N, C-alpha and C. Protein backbone atom coordinates (compact mmCIF):
# COMPACT_ATOMS: atom_id res chain seq x y z
N MET A 1 0.84 -1.18 0.00
CA MET A 1 0.00 0.00 0.00
C MET A 1 0.88 1.24 0.00
N LEU A 2 0.53 2.21 -0.82
CA LEU A 2 1.26 3.46 -0.92
C LEU A 2 0.75 4.44 0.11
N SER A 3 1.64 4.93 0.93
CA SER A 3 1.27 5.94 1.91
C SER A 3 1.37 7.31 1.27
N SER A 4 0.36 8.14 1.46
CA SER A 4 0.34 9.45 0.83
C SER A 4 0.29 10.56 1.86
N PRO A 5 1.20 11.54 1.74
CA PRO A 5 1.12 12.69 2.63
C PRO A 5 -0.08 13.58 2.29
N LEU A 6 -0.76 13.28 1.18
CA LEU A 6 -1.91 14.07 0.76
C LEU A 6 -3.17 13.67 1.50
N GLY A 7 -3.16 12.55 2.20
CA GLY A 7 -4.33 12.10 2.94
C GLY A 7 -5.22 11.19 2.13
N ALA A 8 -6.28 10.72 2.76
CA ALA A 8 -7.17 9.74 2.14
C ALA A 8 -7.89 10.29 0.92
N ASP A 9 -8.08 11.60 0.86
CA ASP A 9 -8.77 12.19 -0.29
C ASP A 9 -7.82 12.47 -1.44
N GLY A 10 -6.55 12.08 -1.31
CA GLY A 10 -5.57 12.29 -2.37
C GLY A 10 -5.21 13.75 -2.57
N GLY A 11 -5.52 14.61 -1.61
CA GLY A 11 -5.18 16.01 -1.72
C GLY A 11 -6.27 16.88 -2.30
N GLN A 12 -7.36 16.28 -2.76
CA GLN A 12 -8.42 17.06 -3.40
C GLN A 12 -9.03 18.09 -2.48
N ARG A 13 -9.27 17.73 -1.25
CA ARG A 13 -9.91 18.66 -0.32
C ARG A 13 -9.04 19.90 -0.12
N SER A 14 -7.73 19.71 -0.07
CA SER A 14 -6.82 20.84 0.10
C SER A 14 -6.42 21.46 -1.24
N GLU A 15 -6.93 20.91 -2.31
CA GLU A 15 -6.72 21.42 -3.67
C GLU A 15 -5.25 21.51 -4.06
N VAL A 16 -4.50 20.44 -3.79
CA VAL A 16 -3.12 20.34 -4.27
C VAL A 16 -3.21 20.26 -5.79
N PRO A 17 -2.65 21.22 -6.53
CA PRO A 17 -2.88 21.27 -7.97
C PRO A 17 -2.17 20.17 -8.78
N HIS A 18 -1.01 19.73 -8.33
CA HIS A 18 -0.24 18.70 -9.02
C HIS A 18 0.48 17.85 -7.99
N TYR A 19 0.73 16.60 -8.33
CA TYR A 19 1.70 15.84 -7.55
C TYR A 19 2.44 14.89 -8.47
N TRP A 20 3.68 14.63 -8.10
CA TRP A 20 4.57 13.78 -8.88
C TRP A 20 4.81 12.49 -8.11
N ILE A 21 4.89 11.40 -8.86
CA ILE A 21 5.33 10.12 -8.30
C ILE A 21 6.59 9.71 -9.06
N VAL A 22 7.68 9.58 -8.34
CA VAL A 22 8.94 9.11 -8.91
C VAL A 22 9.08 7.66 -8.47
N ASP A 23 9.04 6.76 -9.43
CA ASP A 23 9.07 5.32 -9.14
C ASP A 23 10.45 4.76 -9.50
N PRO A 24 11.30 4.52 -8.50
CA PRO A 24 12.64 4.02 -8.80
C PRO A 24 12.65 2.60 -9.37
N ALA A 25 11.67 1.79 -9.02
CA ALA A 25 11.64 0.41 -9.55
C ALA A 25 11.32 0.42 -11.05
N ALA A 26 10.37 1.23 -11.46
CA ALA A 26 9.98 1.31 -12.87
C ALA A 26 10.77 2.37 -13.63
N GLU A 27 11.54 3.17 -12.89
CA GLU A 27 12.31 4.27 -13.47
C GLU A 27 11.41 5.20 -14.29
N THR A 28 10.32 5.63 -13.64
CA THR A 28 9.37 6.52 -14.30
C THR A 28 9.03 7.72 -13.41
N LEU A 29 8.61 8.77 -14.09
CA LEU A 29 8.03 9.94 -13.45
C LEU A 29 6.59 10.01 -13.92
N THR A 30 5.66 10.11 -12.97
CA THR A 30 4.24 10.27 -13.30
C THR A 30 3.76 11.55 -12.63
N VAL A 31 3.15 12.42 -13.42
CA VAL A 31 2.63 13.69 -12.92
C VAL A 31 1.11 13.64 -12.99
N HIS A 32 0.47 13.97 -11.89
CA HIS A 32 -1.00 14.03 -11.82
C HIS A 32 -1.42 15.48 -11.65
N ARG A 33 -2.53 15.86 -12.28
CA ARG A 33 -3.06 17.22 -12.22
C ARG A 33 -4.49 17.18 -11.70
N LEU A 34 -4.82 18.06 -10.77
CA LEU A 34 -6.16 18.13 -10.21
C LEU A 34 -7.15 18.67 -11.24
N VAL A 35 -8.24 17.93 -11.43
CA VAL A 35 -9.38 18.38 -12.22
C VAL A 35 -10.62 18.16 -11.34
N SER A 36 -11.77 18.50 -11.83
CA SER A 36 -12.97 18.46 -11.00
C SER A 36 -13.29 17.09 -10.41
N ASP A 37 -12.90 16.01 -11.09
CA ASP A 37 -13.27 14.67 -10.58
C ASP A 37 -12.07 13.82 -10.17
N GLY A 38 -10.93 14.45 -9.90
CA GLY A 38 -9.80 13.67 -9.42
C GLY A 38 -8.47 14.12 -9.97
N TYR A 39 -7.55 13.16 -10.03
CA TYR A 39 -6.18 13.41 -10.45
C TYR A 39 -5.80 12.49 -11.61
N PRO A 40 -6.19 12.81 -12.83
CA PRO A 40 -5.75 11.98 -13.95
C PRO A 40 -4.25 12.19 -14.20
N ILE A 41 -3.67 11.29 -14.94
CA ILE A 41 -2.26 11.41 -15.29
C ILE A 41 -2.11 12.49 -16.35
N ALA A 42 -1.26 13.48 -16.05
CA ALA A 42 -0.96 14.54 -17.00
C ALA A 42 0.27 14.18 -17.82
N LEU A 43 1.16 13.35 -17.24
CA LEU A 43 2.40 12.98 -17.93
C LEU A 43 2.95 11.72 -17.30
N ARG A 44 3.44 10.84 -18.13
CA ARG A 44 4.20 9.67 -17.64
C ARG A 44 5.41 9.56 -18.56
N ALA A 45 6.60 9.47 -17.97
CA ALA A 45 7.82 9.42 -18.77
C ALA A 45 8.84 8.50 -18.11
N GLY A 46 9.63 7.84 -18.96
CA GLY A 46 10.67 6.95 -18.50
C GLY A 46 12.00 7.64 -18.35
N ARG A 47 12.95 6.91 -17.83
CA ARG A 47 14.30 7.42 -17.52
C ARG A 47 14.97 8.12 -18.70
N GLU A 48 14.76 7.66 -19.90
CA GLU A 48 15.44 8.23 -21.07
C GLU A 48 14.79 9.50 -21.60
N ALA A 49 13.63 9.87 -21.08
CA ALA A 49 12.87 11.00 -21.61
C ALA A 49 13.37 12.34 -21.07
N THR A 50 13.15 13.36 -21.89
CA THR A 50 13.33 14.74 -21.47
C THR A 50 11.96 15.38 -21.57
N VAL A 51 11.51 16.00 -20.48
CA VAL A 51 10.13 16.49 -20.41
C VAL A 51 10.07 17.92 -19.89
N ARG A 52 8.90 18.50 -20.05
CA ARG A 52 8.54 19.76 -19.41
C ARG A 52 7.29 19.42 -18.59
N ALA A 53 7.53 19.12 -17.33
CA ALA A 53 6.49 18.57 -16.46
C ALA A 53 5.78 19.67 -15.67
N GLU A 54 4.46 19.60 -15.67
CA GLU A 54 3.66 20.54 -14.88
C GLU A 54 4.00 20.40 -13.40
N PRO A 55 3.99 21.44 -12.64
CA PRO A 55 3.72 22.83 -12.99
C PRO A 55 4.99 23.61 -13.36
N PHE A 56 6.04 22.91 -13.71
CA PHE A 56 7.32 23.54 -14.04
C PHE A 56 7.62 23.43 -15.53
N ALA A 57 6.65 23.71 -16.37
CA ALA A 57 6.78 23.52 -17.82
C ALA A 57 7.87 24.38 -18.43
N GLU A 58 8.31 25.41 -17.74
CA GLU A 58 9.37 26.27 -18.27
C GLU A 58 10.74 25.60 -18.18
N ILE A 59 10.82 24.55 -17.38
CA ILE A 59 12.10 23.88 -17.14
C ILE A 59 12.13 22.54 -17.86
N GLU A 60 13.16 22.32 -18.66
CA GLU A 60 13.35 21.03 -19.32
C GLU A 60 14.05 20.09 -18.34
N LEU A 61 13.45 18.93 -18.10
CA LEU A 61 13.96 17.98 -17.13
C LEU A 61 14.30 16.66 -17.81
N CYS A 62 15.53 16.22 -17.63
CA CYS A 62 15.92 14.87 -18.07
C CYS A 62 15.52 13.94 -16.93
N VAL A 63 14.56 13.09 -17.17
CA VAL A 63 14.01 12.22 -16.11
C VAL A 63 15.10 11.41 -15.45
N GLY A 64 16.09 10.99 -16.20
CA GLY A 64 17.19 10.21 -15.63
C GLY A 64 17.90 10.89 -14.48
N THR A 65 17.89 12.22 -14.44
CA THR A 65 18.55 12.91 -13.31
C THR A 65 17.86 12.59 -11.99
N LEU A 66 16.58 12.25 -12.04
CA LEU A 66 15.87 11.85 -10.81
C LEU A 66 16.39 10.52 -10.27
N PHE A 67 17.09 9.77 -11.13
CA PHE A 67 17.60 8.45 -10.76
C PHE A 67 19.13 8.43 -10.72
N GLY A 68 19.75 9.62 -10.68
CA GLY A 68 21.20 9.70 -10.52
C GLY A 68 22.00 9.84 -11.80
N ASP A 69 21.33 9.89 -12.96
CA ASP A 69 22.07 10.10 -14.21
C ASP A 69 22.64 11.51 -14.20
N GLU A 70 23.74 11.69 -14.89
CA GLU A 70 24.35 13.03 -14.96
C GLU A 70 23.98 13.76 -16.21
């Protein structure tokens, strides 16, 4: 079971606009965005990808850096 600091409502009650899940086992970054009925996936990318992930779309991120790549 995944423990969430957002609480049982997944952060909706406090209106957290985005949250990221960095999965070291799958080597992926998943970004969720708050909409009226929940948190659909806004982006999913693997270690080799370079992305502009919400809410930091101005910054180009090499996902591999999250896993120690240089």
